[in-house]
Amino acid sequence: MKIYFGGFGTDAGGWYFDGKKFHRVPGWNPEQLKELQHAVAALREIGQIKTAGVAEHLAAALHEVVSKELRSHVKGEGEMVVFI
């Protein structure tokens, strides 16, 4: 289990503790962060679409983009859980 401290998802960076030592998490590029914020906001809105199959198709594509962006920034092993 990792415990994150500080500015996760900001341009300020932060730290995480893996049970043995602290590791630095670099800050985000402001444009990169803005792009991710738009993608996450779109995922929230997609959840309101009631037409069969449409929300699932769009969410799958955006989920891939958001996951890739988060994984490229937050290094580590194991699964990552993100609450939107």
Protein backbone atom coordinates (compact mmCIF):
# COMPACT_ATOMS: atom_id res chain seq x y z
CA MET A 1 0.00 0.00 0.00
CA LYS A 2 1.23 3.49 -0.81
CA ILE A 3 0.30 6.63 1.04
CA TYR A 4 0.49 9.87 -0.99
CA PHE A 5 1.25 13.25 0.58
CA GLY A 6 1.11 16.71 -0.91
CA GLY A 7 0.11 17.86 -4.33
CA PHE A 8 -0.92 14.75 -6.20
CA GLY A 9 -2.37 15.98 -9.49
CA THR A 10 -1.02 19.51 -9.16
CA ASP A 11 1.99 21.30 -10.60
CA ALA A 12 3.56 21.33 -7.10
CA GLY A 13 4.39 17.63 -6.84
CA GLY A 14 4.42 15.66 -3.61
CA TRP A 15 5.68 12.53 -1.86
CA TYR A 16 4.58 8.97 -1.23
CA PHE A 17 5.59 6.45 1.40
CA ASP A 18 5.82 2.80 0.38
CA GLY A 19 6.23 1.41 3.89
CA LYS A 20 10.03 1.61 3.74
CA LYS A 21 10.97 5.05 2.50
CA PHE A 22 9.65 8.31 1.02
CA HIS A 23 9.69 8.90 -2.75
CA ARG A 24 9.29 12.19 -4.60
CA VAL A 25 6.43 12.57 -7.10
CA PRO A 26 7.24 15.37 -9.55
CA GLY A 27 4.72 18.08 -10.34
CA TRP A 28 2.58 18.03 -13.45
CA ASN A 29 3.00 20.19 -16.49
CA PRO A 30 0.11 22.72 -16.24
CA GLU A 31 -1.10 21.97 -19.79
CA GLN A 32 -0.94 18.23 -19.11
CA LEU A 33 -2.93 18.69 -15.90
CA LYS A 34 -5.58 20.80 -17.68
CA GLU A 35 -5.96 18.12 -20.38
CA LEU A 36 -6.44 15.44 -17.72
CA GLN A 37 -8.99 17.60 -15.88
CA HIS A 38 -11.02 17.96 -19.09
CA ALA A 39 -10.92 14.20 -19.72
CA VAL A 40 -12.07 13.46 -16.14
CA ALA A 41 -14.87 16.05 -16.43
CA ALA A 42 -15.97 14.42 -19.69
CA LEU A 43 -16.07 11.02 -17.96
CA ARG A 44 -18.38 12.50 -15.32
CA GLU A 45 -20.71 13.90 -17.98
CA ILE A 46 -20.70 10.70 -20.03
CA GLY A 47 -22.22 8.94 -17.04
CA GLN A 48 -25.41 10.95 -17.63
CA ILE A 49 -25.99 9.59 -21.17
CA LYS A 50 -28.87 7.10 -21.15
CA THR A 51 -28.73 5.85 -24.75
CA ALA A 52 -27.75 2.18 -24.70
CA GLY A 53 -24.08 1.56 -25.52
CA VAL A 54 -23.13 5.20 -26.08
CA ALA A 55 -21.90 5.95 -22.55
CA GLU A 56 -20.00 2.67 -22.35
CA HIS A 57 -18.25 3.24 -25.69
CA LEU A 58 -17.22 6.81 -24.90
CA ALA A 59 -16.21 5.99 -21.32
CA ALA A 60 -13.99 3.13 -22.48
CA ALA A 61 -12.07 5.42 -24.84
CA LEU A 62 -11.66 8.16 -22.23
CA HIS A 63 -10.78 5.67 -19.50
CA GLU A 64 -7.85 4.52 -21.62
CA VAL A 65 -6.59 8.11 -22.03
CA VAL A 66 -6.96 8.94 -18.32
CA SER A 67 -5.34 5.67 -17.20
CA LYS A 68 -2.40 6.13 -19.56
CA GLU A 69 -1.83 9.69 -18.36
CA LEU A 70 -1.99 8.74 -14.68
CA ARG A 71 0.25 5.71 -15.12
CA SER A 72 2.85 7.77 -16.98
CA HIS A 73 3.02 10.17 -14.06
CA VAL A 74 2.54 7.97 -11.00
CA LYS A 75 5.15 5.22 -11.12
CA GLY A 76 4.79 2.04 -9.15
CA GLU A 77 3.67 -1.54 -9.13
CA GLY A 78 0.28 -3.07 -8.68
CA GLU A 79 -3.16 -1.76 -9.41
CA MET A 80 -4.17 1.87 -9.31
CA VAL A 81 -7.64 2.86 -8.15
CA VAL A 82 -8.96 6.28 -9.11
CA PHE A 83 -12.20 7.72 -7.79
CA ILE A 84 -13.88 10.32 -9.99
